[in-house]
Protein backbone atom coordinates (compact mmCIF):
# COMPACT_ATOMS: atom_id res chain seq x y z
CA MET A 1 0.04 -0.04 -0.02
CA HIS A 2 2.86 2.36 0.87
CA LYS A 3 4.64 1.46 -2.48
CA GLU A 4 1.49 2.23 -4.51
CA TRP A 5 1.14 5.52 -2.73
CA ARG A 6 4.62 6.54 -3.66
CA VAL A 7 4.04 5.65 -7.33
CA GLU A 8 0.91 7.71 -7.40
CA LYS A 9 2.67 10.65 -5.82
CA LYS A 10 5.42 10.42 -8.49
CA GLN A 11 2.76 10.22 -11.26
CA HIS A 12 1.09 13.39 -9.75
CA ARG A 13 4.38 15.27 -10.02
CA ILE A 14 4.73 14.80 -13.71
CA ASP A 15 2.99 17.85 -15.24
CA THR A 16 3.29 19.74 -18.42
CA GLY A 17 6.70 21.14 -17.46
CA GLU A 18 7.93 17.63 -17.04
CA ARG A 19 6.81 16.62 -20.51
CA GLU A 20 8.78 19.53 -22.06
CA ARG A 21 11.81 18.83 -19.97
CA CYS A 22 11.67 15.23 -21.03
CA LEU A 23 11.45 16.24 -24.72
CA LEU A 24 14.40 18.49 -24.29
CA ALA A 25 16.25 15.80 -22.40
CA TYR A 26 15.64 13.37 -25.26
CA TRP A 27 16.92 15.97 -27.79
CA LEU A 28 20.14 16.28 -25.78
CA GLY A 29 20.56 12.51 -25.78
CA GLU A 30 19.91 12.16 -22.08
CA LEU A 31 16.53 10.30 -22.43
CA ARG A 32 18.13 7.66 -24.77
CA GLU A 33 20.36 6.53 -21.95
CA ILE A 34 17.37 6.28 -19.58
CA LEU A 35 15.32 4.23 -21.93
CA GLU A 36 18.18 1.80 -22.49
CA GLU A 37 18.67 1.32 -18.72
CA LYS A 38 15.01 1.09 -17.44
CA PRO A 39 12.63 0.59 -20.46
CA ASN A 40 9.79 -1.00 -18.34
CA GLN A 41 9.57 1.95 -16.07
CA MET A 42 9.08 4.59 -18.77
CA GLY A 43 5.75 5.51 -20.24
CA VAL A 44 7.36 6.19 -23.59
CA HIS A 45 4.17 6.46 -25.52
CA LYS A 46 3.10 9.32 -23.24
CA LEU A 47 6.66 10.64 -22.91
CA LEU A 48 6.25 10.50 -19.04
CA PRO A 49 9.20 8.84 -17.43
CA VAL A 50 8.45 7.39 -13.97
CA VAL A 51 11.95 8.03 -12.79
CA VAL A 52 13.99 10.86 -14.15
CA PRO A 53 17.67 10.91 -13.19
CA ARG A 54 19.02 13.70 -11.12
CA ARG A 55 21.37 14.85 -13.99
CA GLY A 56 18.42 15.23 -16.30
CA ARG A 57 16.51 17.28 -13.81
CA ARG A 58 19.44 19.70 -13.41
CA LEU A 59 19.50 20.12 -17.13
CA GLY A 60 15.82 20.81 -16.98
CA ARG A 61 16.27 23.57 -14.49
CA ILE A 62 18.80 25.19 -16.74
CA PHE A 63 16.51 25.10 -19.72
CA ARG A 64 13.36 26.06 -17.96
CA PRO A 65 10.48 26.95 -20.39
CA ALA A 66 10.18 30.38 -18.92
CA LEU A 67 13.73 31.13 -19.73
CA ASN A 68 14.21 29.07 -22.88
CA PHE A 69 13.41 31.69 -25.46
CA ARG A 70 15.46 34.54 -23.81
CA SER A 71 18.45 32.17 -23.32
CA TRP A 72 18.58 31.08 -26.97
CA LEU A 73 18.20 34.73 -28.05
CA LEU A 74 21.18 35.75 -25.92
CA LEU A 75 23.21 32.79 -27.22
CA LEU A 76 22.50 33.73 -30.87
CA ALA A 77 23.39 37.43 -30.21
CA LEU A 78 26.77 36.36 -28.66
CA LEU A 79 27.48 34.08 -31.67
CA CYS A 80 26.88 36.92 -34.03
CA LEU A 81 29.10 39.30 -32.12
CA PHE A 82 32.02 36.78 -32.05
CA SER A 83 31.54 35.93 -35.74
CA PHE A 84 32.08 39.67 -36.70
CA ALA A 85 35.11 40.17 -34.44
CA PRO A 86 37.87 38.55 -36.65
CA PHE A 87 36.82 40.36 -39.80
CA GLY A 88 36.64 43.89 -38.46
CA LEU A 89 33.88 46.39 -39.07
CA LYS A 90 33.58 48.87 -41.95
CA PHE A 91 32.86 52.33 -40.76
CA VAL A 92 31.45 55.14 -42.82
CA LEU A 93 32.44 58.65 -41.78
CA LEU A 94 30.35 61.52 -43.03
CA VAL A 95 32.54 64.58 -43.34
CA GLY A 96 30.58 67.66 -43.97
CA HIS A 97 31.70 70.63 -45.94
CA GLY A 98 32.79 73.52 -43.72
CA GLY A 99 32.25 71.45 -40.59
CA SER A 100 28.40 71.53 -40.89
CA MET A 101 26.31 68.43 -41.05
CA GLU A 102 23.03 70.28 -41.67
CA SER A 103 23.42 70.22 -45.37
CA GLY A 104 22.92 66.37 -45.26
CA VAL A 105 24.47 63.68 -47.48
CA SER A 106 24.50 66.02 -50.45
CA SER A 107 27.03 68.33 -48.77
CA SER A 108 29.30 65.62 -47.47
CA ARG A 109 31.61 62.99 -48.79
CA GLN A 110 31.91 59.44 -47.52
CA LEU A 111 35.36 58.15 -46.63
CA HIS A 112 35.15 54.36 -46.35
CA ILE A 113 37.93 53.43 -43.88
CA THR A 114 38.41 49.64 -43.82
CA GLY A 115 41.30 49.57 -41.39
CA ASN A 116 43.97 50.46 -44.07
CA ILE A 117 45.00 53.86 -42.86
CA GLU A 118 47.97 53.83 -45.23
CA ARG A 119 45.70 53.75 -48.25
CA PHE A 120 43.88 56.84 -47.01
CA ASN A 121 47.18 58.71 -46.44
CA LYS A 122 48.27 57.81 -49.99
CA GLU A 123 45.03 59.25 -51.36
CA VAL A 124 45.65 62.49 -49.50
CA GLU A 125 49.16 62.70 -50.83
CA GLN A 126 47.85 61.98 -54.33
CA ARG A 127 45.50 64.95 -54.12
CA LYS A 128 48.44 67.15 -52.82
CA LEU A 129 50.58 66.03 -55.80
CA GLN A 130 47.89 66.85 -58.25
CA HIS A 131 47.40 70.34 -56.78
CA SER A 132 51.12 70.96 -56.81
CA GLY A 133 51.23 70.87 -60.62
CA TYR A 134 51.68 67.23 -61.60
CA GLY A 135 47.96 67.02 -62.56
CA GLY A 136 46.41 63.75 -63.61
CA ASP A 137 49.76 62.32 -64.73
CA ALA A 138 50.70 61.64 -61.22
CA ILE A 139 50.58 57.96 -60.24
CA LYS A 140 49.07 56.87 -57.08
CA ALA A 141 51.29 54.31 -55.29
CA PRO A 142 49.28 51.09 -55.22
CA GLY A 143 47.82 50.49 -51.80
CA ARG A 144 48.17 47.07 -50.30
CA LYS A 145 46.70 45.53 -47.13
CA HIS A 146 49.85 43.66 -46.34
CA ARG A 147 53.58 44.21 -47.11
CA SER A 148 54.70 42.10 -50.09
CA GLN A 149 57.05 39.27 -49.43
CA HIS A 150 60.28 39.12 -51.46
CA TYR A 151 62.58 36.23 -51.65
CA PRO A 152 65.95 35.33 -53.24
CA CYS A 153 66.27 33.26 -56.32
CA GLU A 154 68.88 30.84 -57.50
CA ILE A 155 72.01 32.23 -59.39
CA GLY A 156 73.97 30.13 -61.69
CA PHE A 157 77.46 30.95 -60.42
CA SER A 158 80.49 29.17 -61.77
CA GLU A 159 81.65 26.37 -59.55
CA LYS A 160 85.13 27.60 -58.65
CA VAL A 161 87.00 30.84 -58.77
CA ASP A 162 90.24 29.11 -59.72
CA TYR A 163 89.00 28.40 -63.28
CA LEU A 164 87.88 31.88 -64.09
CA ILE A 165 89.66 33.71 -66.85
CA GLU A 166 88.98 37.42 -67.43
CA PRO A 167 87.80 37.71 -70.97
CA LYS A 168 89.63 39.95 -73.38
CA ASP A 169 87.83 42.33 -75.70
CA LEU A 170 84.34 41.27 -74.68
CA ARG A 171 83.04 44.40 -76.28
CA ASN A 172 84.45 47.47 -77.75
CA PHE A 173 83.58 49.61 -74.75
CA THR A 174 83.51 53.31 -75.49
CA GLN A 175 87.03 54.72 -74.99
CA LEU A 176 87.56 58.36 -73.94
CA SER A 177 89.89 60.23 -71.61
CA LEU A 178 88.43 61.70 -68.40
CA GLU A 179 90.08 64.21 -66.12
CA TYR A 180 88.67 65.62 -63.04
CA VAL A 181 88.42 69.15 -61.57
CA ALA A 182 90.84 69.25 -58.69
CA MET A 183 90.59 72.83 -57.57
CA GLU A 184 88.38 75.85 -58.13
CA GLU A 185 89.50 79.38 -58.19
CA LYS A 186 87.60 82.06 -56.41
CA PRO A 187 85.47 83.88 -59.05
CA LEU A 188 86.28 87.54 -59.62
CA GLY A 189 84.03 89.97 -57.95
CA VAL A 190 82.74 87.40 -55.44
CA ASN A 191 83.49 88.27 -51.85
CA SER A 192 81.98 85.34 -50.04
CA PHE A 193 83.10 82.07 -51.74
CA GLU A 194 82.89 78.71 -49.97
CA SER A 195 84.74 75.73 -51.14
CA LYS A 196 82.57 72.63 -51.75
CA PHE A 197 83.43 69.03 -52.11
CA GLY A 198 81.39 68.79 -55.26
CA GLY A 199 82.54 72.14 -56.62
CA HIS A 200 80.37 74.74 -58.24
CA PRO A 201 79.59 73.53 -61.74
CA THR A 202 77.41 75.85 -63.74
CA LEU A 203 74.48 74.58 -65.72
CA GLU A 204 76.44 75.03 -68.83
CA GLU A 205 79.35 72.92 -67.54
CA ARG A 206 76.75 70.30 -66.29
CA GLU A 207 75.20 70.09 -69.73
CA LYS A 208 78.63 69.61 -71.45
CA SER A 209 79.61 66.88 -68.98
CA PHE A 210 76.95 64.54 -70.47
CA HIS A 211 78.76 64.34 -73.68
CA ALA A 212 81.03 61.29 -73.98
CA LEU A 213 84.16 63.14 -75.04
CA ASN A 214 87.63 63.58 -73.78
CA GLN A 215 86.95 66.14 -71.04
CA THR A 216 87.57 67.49 -67.61
CA LEU A 217 84.54 67.41 -65.33
CA HIS A 218 83.46 67.74 -61.83
CA CYS A 219 83.40 64.51 -59.84
CA GLY A 220 83.90 65.32 -56.14
CA PHE A 221 87.09 65.81 -54.21
CA VAL A 222 87.33 69.40 -55.37
CA LYS A 223 89.92 71.26 -53.30
CA GLY A 224 89.50 74.84 -52.21
CA HIS A 225 91.80 77.65 -53.14
CA PRO A 226 95.04 77.80 -51.08
CA GLY A 227 94.19 79.23 -47.79
CA PHE A 228 90.71 77.70 -47.74
CA PRO A 229 90.01 74.68 -45.54
CA SER A 230 89.77 71.18 -46.91
CA THR A 231 86.43 70.29 -48.54
CA GLY A 232 86.35 66.88 -46.80
CA PHE A 233 86.63 63.18 -47.00
CA ASP A 234 90.33 63.08 -45.97
CA PHE A 235 92.28 59.86 -45.45
CA ASP A 236 95.47 59.04 -43.66
CA GLU A 237 98.43 58.60 -45.95
CA LYS A 238 98.86 55.03 -44.98
CA ASP A 239 95.36 54.22 -45.95
CA MET A 240 95.65 56.05 -49.17
CA ALA A 241 98.77 54.06 -49.99
CA TYR A 242 96.84 50.81 -49.34
CA MET A 243 93.90 51.81 -51.39
CA SER A 244 96.15 52.76 -54.36
CA THR A 245 97.19 49.10 -54.64
CA CYS A 246 93.62 47.67 -54.89
CA GLN A 247 92.55 46.24 -58.25
CA VAL A 248 89.27 44.56 -57.20
CA VAL A 249 87.35 46.16 -54.39
CA VAL A 250 84.34 45.37 -52.22
CA SER A 251 83.40 48.47 -50.25
CA SER A 252 80.73 49.77 -47.88
CA CYS A 253 80.44 52.55 -45.25
CA ILE A 254 78.94 53.44 -41.86
CA PHE A 255 78.70 57.14 -40.92
CA GLY A 256 77.01 58.60 -37.90
CA ASN A 257 76.91 55.19 -36.14
CA SER A 258 73.87 54.36 -38.23
CA ASP A 259 74.57 50.53 -38.59
CA PHE A 260 76.29 47.57 -37.22
CA LEU A 261 79.43 46.15 -38.73
CA ARG A 262 78.46 42.99 -40.63
CA ARG A 263 81.30 40.86 -41.75
CA PRO A 264 81.16 38.98 -45.12
CA THR A 265 80.38 35.29 -44.66
CA SER A 266 83.96 33.87 -44.68
CA LYS A 267 82.97 30.38 -45.80
CA LYS A 268 81.41 31.73 -48.91
CA ILE A 269 84.60 33.73 -49.90
CA SER A 270 87.31 31.73 -51.73
CA GLU A 271 90.94 31.86 -50.67
CA TYR A 272 91.65 33.57 -53.98
CA SER A 273 89.43 36.47 -53.22
CA LYS A 274 90.59 36.72 -49.57
CA LYS A 275 94.14 37.20 -50.96
CA ASN A 276 93.45 39.35 -54.01
CA VAL A 277 90.31 41.46 -53.24
CA CYS A 278 90.26 44.53 -50.98
CA PHE A 279 87.48 44.55 -48.54
CA VAL A 280 87.13 48.21 -47.30
CA MET A 281 84.78 49.61 -44.70
CA PHE A 282 84.68 53.37 -44.52
CA VAL A 283 83.71 54.86 -41.11
CA ASP A 284 83.86 58.19 -39.36
CA GLU A 285 85.46 58.58 -35.82
CA GLN A 286 82.09 58.36 -34.06
CA THR A 287 81.33 54.99 -35.67
CA LEU A 288 84.88 53.77 -34.90
CA SER A 289 84.27 54.36 -31.17
CA LYS A 290 80.98 52.55 -31.30
CA LEU A 291 82.57 49.60 -33.09
CA ALA A 292 84.88 49.09 -30.08
CA LEU A 293 81.95 49.09 -27.72
CA ASP A 294 80.24 46.56 -29.92
CA GLY A 295 83.25 44.30 -29.56
CA HIS A 296 84.87 44.81 -32.98
CA VAL A 297 88.50 45.34 -32.16
CA LEU A 298 90.91 46.24 -35.01
CA ASP A 299 94.06 44.11 -35.30
CA ASP A 300 97.47 45.45 -36.10
CA ARG A 301 96.66 45.89 -39.89
CA GLY A 302 93.34 47.65 -39.12
CA LEU A 303 91.22 44.65 -39.92
CA VAL A 304 87.97 43.32 -38.46
CA GLY A 305 87.47 39.99 -40.07
CA LEU A 306 87.86 40.65 -43.80
CA TRP A 307 86.99 44.38 -43.49
CA LYS A 308 89.87 46.82 -43.68
CA VAL A 309 88.54 49.72 -41.66
CA VAL A 310 89.40 53.08 -43.17
CA ILE A 311 88.58 56.35 -41.28
CA ALA A 312 87.21 59.22 -43.39
CA ARG A 313 87.78 62.60 -41.53
CA ASN A 314 86.14 65.97 -42.19
CA LEU A 315 82.96 64.66 -43.71
CA PRO A 316 81.79 66.97 -46.54
CA TYR A 317 78.09 66.89 -45.83
CA LYS A 318 75.88 67.20 -42.71
CA ASP A 319 73.44 64.84 -44.33
CA MET A 320 74.93 61.27 -43.66
CA ARG A 321 72.99 59.85 -46.56
CA ARG A 322 74.65 62.23 -48.97
CA THR A 323 78.07 61.52 -47.41
CA GLY A 324 77.55 57.87 -48.03
CA LYS A 325 77.15 58.60 -51.75
CA VAL A 326 80.83 59.43 -51.95
CA PRO A 327 82.24 55.94 -51.56
CA LYS A 328 79.23 54.55 -53.33
CA PHE A 329 79.57 56.32 -56.66
CA LEU A 330 83.20 57.44 -56.56
CA SER A 331 85.11 54.16 -56.01
CA HIS A 332 87.08 54.86 -59.19
CA ARG A 333 88.43 57.91 -57.52
CA ILE A 334 89.10 56.49 -54.17
CA PHE A 335 90.82 53.49 -55.62
CA PRO A 336 92.73 54.92 -58.61
CA SER A 337 94.24 51.57 -59.77
CA SER A 338 91.04 49.47 -59.43
CA ARG A 339 89.51 47.77 -62.43
CA TYR A 340 86.42 46.34 -60.74
CA SER A 341 84.41 47.24 -57.65
CA ILE A 342 81.34 45.99 -55.72
CA TRP A 343 79.31 48.22 -53.50
CA LEU A 344 76.92 46.96 -50.85
CA ASP A 345 75.08 49.03 -48.20
CA SER A 346 76.06 48.49 -44.53
CA LYS A 347 72.60 46.94 -43.95
CA MET A 348 73.78 43.91 -46.01
CA ARG A 349 76.10 40.96 -45.28
CA LEU A 350 77.92 39.54 -48.37
CA ASN A 351 77.07 35.93 -48.89
CA ALA A 352 78.82 35.31 -52.27
CA ASP A 353 82.34 35.34 -53.62
CA PRO A 354 83.24 38.70 -55.24
CA MET A 355 85.00 37.18 -58.28
CA LEU A 356 81.94 34.89 -58.92
CA ILE A 357 79.74 38.03 -58.77
CA ILE A 358 81.94 39.85 -61.30
CA GLU A 359 81.93 36.98 -63.66
CA TYR A 360 78.17 36.37 -63.51
CA PHE A 361 76.96 40.00 -63.77
CA LEU A 362 79.59 41.59 -65.92
CA TRP A 363 81.72 39.19 -67.89
CA ARG A 364 78.93 36.80 -68.70
CA THR A 365 76.50 39.49 -69.73
CA LYS A 366 79.23 41.56 -71.40
CA SER A 367 78.28 44.64 -69.26
CA GLU A 368 80.31 47.39 -67.61
CA TYR A 369 77.77 48.31 -64.92
CA ALA A 370 75.18 46.12 -63.09
CA ILE A 371 72.45 47.18 -60.60
CA SER A 372 69.10 45.57 -59.63
CA ASN A 373 65.67 46.94 -60.27
CA HIS A 374 63.58 48.07 -57.31
CA TYR A 375 61.55 45.32 -55.68
CA ASP A 376 58.29 47.32 -55.67
CA ARG A 377 58.37 50.40 -57.89
CA HIS A 378 59.45 51.03 -61.41
CA CYS A 379 58.39 54.53 -62.29
CA VAL A 380 59.95 57.73 -61.01
CA TRP A 381 56.49 59.24 -60.42
CA GLU A 382 55.85 56.47 -57.95
CA GLU A 383 59.21 56.97 -56.29
CA VAL A 384 58.51 60.72 -55.92
CA LEU A 385 55.22 60.06 -54.24
CA GLN A 386 56.68 57.46 -51.85
CA ASN A 387 59.52 59.69 -50.74
CA LYS A 388 57.08 62.52 -50.00
CA ARG A 389 54.65 60.26 -48.23
CA LEU A 390 57.35 58.80 -46.05
CA ASN A 391 59.02 62.24 -45.49
CA LYS A 392 62.29 60.94 -46.72
CA TYR A 393 63.46 64.44 -47.76
CA ASN A 394 62.28 67.93 -47.83
CA GLN A 395 59.27 67.95 -50.18
CA THR A 396 60.04 71.39 -51.74
CA ALA A 397 63.43 70.07 -52.71
CA ILE A 398 61.95 66.96 -54.29
CA ASP A 399 59.44 69.05 -56.23
CA GLU A 400 62.28 71.34 -57.57
CA GLN A 401 64.32 68.28 -58.68
CA PHE A 402 61.27 66.50 -60.23
CA ASN A 403 60.06 69.54 -62.06
CA PHE A 404 63.55 70.16 -63.46
CA TYR A 405 63.76 66.59 -64.72
CA GLN A 406 60.40 66.73 -66.39
CA SER A 407 61.29 69.92 -68.15
CA ASP A 408 64.45 68.20 -69.42
CA GLY A 409 62.66 65.24 -70.96
CA LEU A 410 62.08 62.78 -68.19
CA ARG A 411 59.08 60.48 -69.16
CA LYS A 412 57.16 57.87 -67.33
CA PHE A 413 58.20 54.21 -67.35
CA ASP A 414 56.08 52.20 -69.78
CA SER A 415 56.62 48.48 -69.52
CA SER A 416 54.61 47.85 -72.69
CA ASP A 417 56.87 49.91 -74.85
CA PRO A 418 59.37 47.61 -76.53
CA ASN A 419 61.74 50.54 -76.88
CA THR A 420 61.97 51.08 -73.11
CA PRO A 421 65.74 50.64 -72.48
CA LEU A 422 65.47 49.27 -69.01
CA PRO A 423 63.23 46.91 -67.18
CA SER A 424 62.68 49.58 -64.47
CA TYR A 425 63.47 53.29 -64.04
CA VAL A 426 63.80 52.86 -60.28
CA PRO A 427 66.86 50.95 -59.14
CA GLU A 428 67.52 49.27 -55.83
CA GLY A 429 70.88 50.89 -55.29
CA SER A 430 72.11 48.89 -52.35
CA PHE A 431 74.22 46.66 -54.43
CA ILE A 432 76.27 47.74 -57.45
CA VAL A 433 78.74 45.82 -59.54
CA ARG A 434 80.87 47.73 -62.04
CA ALA A 435 83.98 47.75 -64.21
CA HIS A 436 85.95 50.89 -64.10
CA THR A 437 85.62 51.66 -67.84
CA PRO A 438 85.45 55.27 -69.18
CA MET A 439 81.62 55.16 -69.65
CA SER A 440 81.11 53.51 -66.23
CA ASN A 441 83.18 56.24 -64.62
CA LEU A 442 81.38 59.01 -66.49
CA PHE A 443 77.96 57.78 -65.55
CA SER A 444 79.09 57.46 -61.78
CA CYS A 445 80.42 60.98 -61.84
CA LEU A 446 77.17 62.33 -63.51
CA TRP A 447 75.02 60.43 -61.07
CA PHE A 448 76.98 61.79 -58.08
CA ASN A 449 76.77 65.29 -59.37
CA GLU A 450 72.98 65.05 -59.40
CA VAL A 451 72.98 63.91 -55.78
CA ASP A 452 75.27 66.80 -54.91
CA ARG A 453 73.17 69.35 -56.71
CA PHE A 454 69.70 68.15 -55.77
CA THR A 455 68.46 65.71 -53.14
CA SER A 456 70.41 62.78 -51.66
CA ARG A 457 67.74 60.31 -52.85
CA ASP A 458 69.70 58.74 -55.68
CA GLN A 459 66.70 56.62 -56.80
CA LEU A 460 65.09 59.85 -58.04
CA SER A 461 68.09 60.75 -60.29
CA PHE A 462 69.16 57.41 -61.70
CA ALA A 463 66.74 57.16 -64.65
CA TYR A 464 67.24 60.84 -65.59
CA THR A 465 71.05 60.48 -65.60
CA TYR A 466 70.97 57.21 -67.54
CA LEU A 467 68.49 58.32 -70.06
CA LYS A 468 70.17 61.72 -70.69
CA LEU A 469 73.51 60.12 -71.10
CA ARG A 470 72.15 57.65 -73.52
CA ARG A 471 70.18 60.28 -75.49
CA THR A 472 73.08 62.59 -75.68
CA ASN A 473 75.45 59.85 -77.02
CA PRO A 474 73.44 57.56 -79.39
CA ASN A 475 76.53 56.27 -81.09
CA GLN A 476 78.57 55.66 -77.89
CA PRO A 477 76.72 52.88 -75.89
CA PHE A 478 76.85 52.43 -72.31
CA TYR A 479 76.30 48.67 -71.40
CA LEU A 480 74.23 48.61 -68.15
CA ASN A 481 72.81 45.34 -66.84
CA MET A 482 69.74 45.78 -64.66
CA PHE A 483 69.30 42.44 -62.87
CA LYS A 484 66.47 41.04 -60.89
CA ASP A 485 65.87 42.09 -57.29
CA CYS A 486 65.61 38.35 -56.23
CA GLU A 487 69.23 37.96 -57.44
CA ARG A 488 70.31 40.89 -55.22
CA ARG A 489 68.74 39.09 -52.28
CA ALA A 490 70.70 35.97 -53.03
CA LEU A 491 73.95 37.89 -52.96
CA ALA A 492 73.70 39.33 -49.49
CA LYS A 493 71.51 38.96 -46.37
CA LEU A 494 69.47 42.03 -45.61
CA PHE A 495 69.12 43.57 -42.13
CA ARG A 496 67.55 46.65 -40.72
CA HIS A 497 69.54 49.75 -40.08
CA ARG A 498 70.55 50.51 -36.50
CA VAL A 499 69.46 54.16 -36.82
CA PHE A 500 67.47 55.81 -39.60
CA PRO A 501 69.14 59.14 -40.24
CA SER A 502 66.61 61.95 -39.97
CA PRO A 503 65.76 63.97 -43.14
CA PRO A 504 68.14 66.89 -43.57
CA PRO A 505 66.85 70.36 -42.55
CA VAL A 506 65.20 72.63 -45.05
CA PRO A 507 67.96 74.47 -47.05
C-alpha cells in the first residue's frame, strides 16, 4: 500500500513542465540512456518517465521553459558578435563641408575606412601631388593590405673561382679620356666664396659633362683655393697608400653610427678572393668608437674580419646619406688603380664570392655596370610620391628636382613599350657591380653630381642620368645590366638599419 502511494505521488508530480523537460532531455541525448537502462519503468508513448535521473533534472532547471526563449536569443546574439570580431567592421564617416552636417548627405563625402589607414594617407598625398602641378599624370602608389614578401632566387654561379679567366675584348667599350676638376679658383668680384666637395659647376658645364668626349669634369674631391679649408673626406696617408694598390674592391660605409658592422660570410669567400680582393669599410670617428663598444677590435693591420676599416675625416656633408654617396659612386676615384668594384650598403652582409659576382653580372652579360631593379616600384613618379609620403626628404626640394627633370625630358616608365631601354626606371641601389671603364666612370660622376646638386635620394636621379647620357650619345653605348631584385637578395643577407638618419633640414 505504501509502495502504490509513492508511485501515485510521483505520477502526480509529472506535469506539463515535465513533459517539455523530457522532450528537451531526449533531444540532448539524455533520455536515450534512460530508456536503455530502464525501459519498463518509462511511459514512452506518453513521454512520461516514471523516474527521471538527477542529472536530467538539473538540465531541466537550466533550460526552464520560462527562460528558454531568452536564453537562446542571448546565445544567438553572442555568436553573431564573435563571428564579426575577426573580420573587423567597416565604418562610414560623413565629413561635412565646412564642418556643418545640416546640409545632409549631398554636402558631405563618404570616406570608407576599412582599417587600411595607409591607403587613406596615399589618397591624400595623391591629391596634394595633383594640386602641386603634376595633374592627372601623377601615379598613385598602389595600396596593399599587407607588405609584399620578397625572396631570393637561385643564381647560376660558376663552380670555382680558380678556373675563372678574365675575357679579353668582350666588347669594344667606349673609349675616352676623363680628367677631374681638382681645384676651383675664387670667381672675380665674389666676396663670399665657400669651397665645396662637389665644386660649383654651372648649368652649362653640367650640360657639357653629359657628352662622352675627352673632357675635364666635376666629380667630387674638389679642393679649395690655397688658404681655404679642406672640402672633406680626408684619409690618412697610410690608408691612401693601401687603397692605391687595390685592383678589385668590395666596399661599404657606416657614418653617424647608423649601422652595425656586418662581416662577409667567410666560408662563402674563396681563398683567392681573400688574398686578391680589398674589402674596405669606410667609417667616421664616431662610428669607430662605437665599433669598439660592440666588440669589434681592429688588429695590427686595421682589420675586423675581412674588412679593412678606413677612417674618413672631415665629412663633406651634414646629411649622412649624402656623405655615403661618396664611396658608393666614386670608387674609381678613391681606388685609382682598381679595375672592378662592388658596392653594398651597410645593412647587408655579403654571402657570395666577389669574383663569382663579377663573372656572372659583368663578364657573362658583357656589361660594364650592373644594378638591380627596385623590388616594388618602377616609375620615378611613384618613387617621388613614396619619398614625399614617408618624409624621406624635404618635399619642396623633391618638387624642384622632379620639375627640373620633367622639363628636361624625363618621361614615365612604360613596360609595354618595346623601346623602353631598362626593365625599371627605379633601381635598388644597395648593391652595385661595375667595371671601371670610361663610360662607367662617366655615368658614376654624373649620377654623383645630381645627388650633390639636388636631393640625396639617388633613386630619383638614376633614370634621368642614364636616359640623358644615352640620349646625348646615341653612337657611344653604355652597357648597363639591370638584374632582378631576387638575385640581389641571393647575394647578401638584408638587415635593418641600427638608426635611420633624420631627413636633412630645409635648405
